[in-house]
Protein backbone atom coordinates (compact mmCIF):
# COMPACT_ATOMS: atom_id res chain seq x y z
CA PHE A 1 -0.11 -9.30 -3.40
CA SER A 2 1.58 -12.14 -0.52
CA VAL A 3 1.16 -12.03 2.85
CA GLY A 4 4.34 -9.84 4.74
CA LYS A 5 5.87 -6.01 4.26
CA HIS A 6 5.29 -4.11 1.49
CA THR A 7 5.98 -0.65 0.62
CA PHE A 8 4.53 1.86 -1.60
CA LYS A 9 5.80 5.03 -2.99
CA PHE A 10 3.51 7.66 -4.54
CA LYS A 11 4.90 11.25 -6.61
CA SER A 12 2.50 14.29 -6.29
CA GLU A 13 3.14 17.69 -7.65
CA ILE A 14 0.99 19.00 -4.96
CA ILE A 15 1.97 16.40 -2.11
CA PRO A 16 5.59 15.44 -1.33
CA THR A 17 7.26 11.64 -2.07
CA LEU A 18 4.78 9.41 0.06
CA GLU A 19 5.96 6.66 1.59
CA PHE A 20 3.31 3.74 3.13
CA ASN A 21 4.76 0.78 4.76
CA PHE A 22 2.64 -1.60 5.89
CA GLU A 23 2.23 -5.51 6.52
CA LEU A 24 -0.40 -7.56 5.11
CA GLY A 25 -2.48 -10.36 6.99
CA ALA A 26 -5.96 -12.57 6.67
CA GLU A 27 -7.94 -9.32 7.15
CA ASN A 28 -5.72 -6.95 4.95
CA LEU A 29 -6.35 -9.76 2.13
CA ASN A 30 -10.25 -10.20 2.47
CA GLN A 31 -10.24 -6.36 1.71
CA LYS A 32 -10.76 -5.08 -1.67
CA PHE A 33 -7.90 -3.30 -3.17
CA ASP A 34 -8.25 -1.32 -6.15
CA PRO A 35 -4.85 0.59 -7.76
CA LYS A 36 -6.87 2.53 -10.29
């Protein structure tokens, strides 16, 4: 990932398509992110 705006879309059979918009910063980059 790089600093900037990112958009993620998740599709689920139970929950309608969720769209997450967030901006990554220094604090976000320091946090661990596991896509699994």
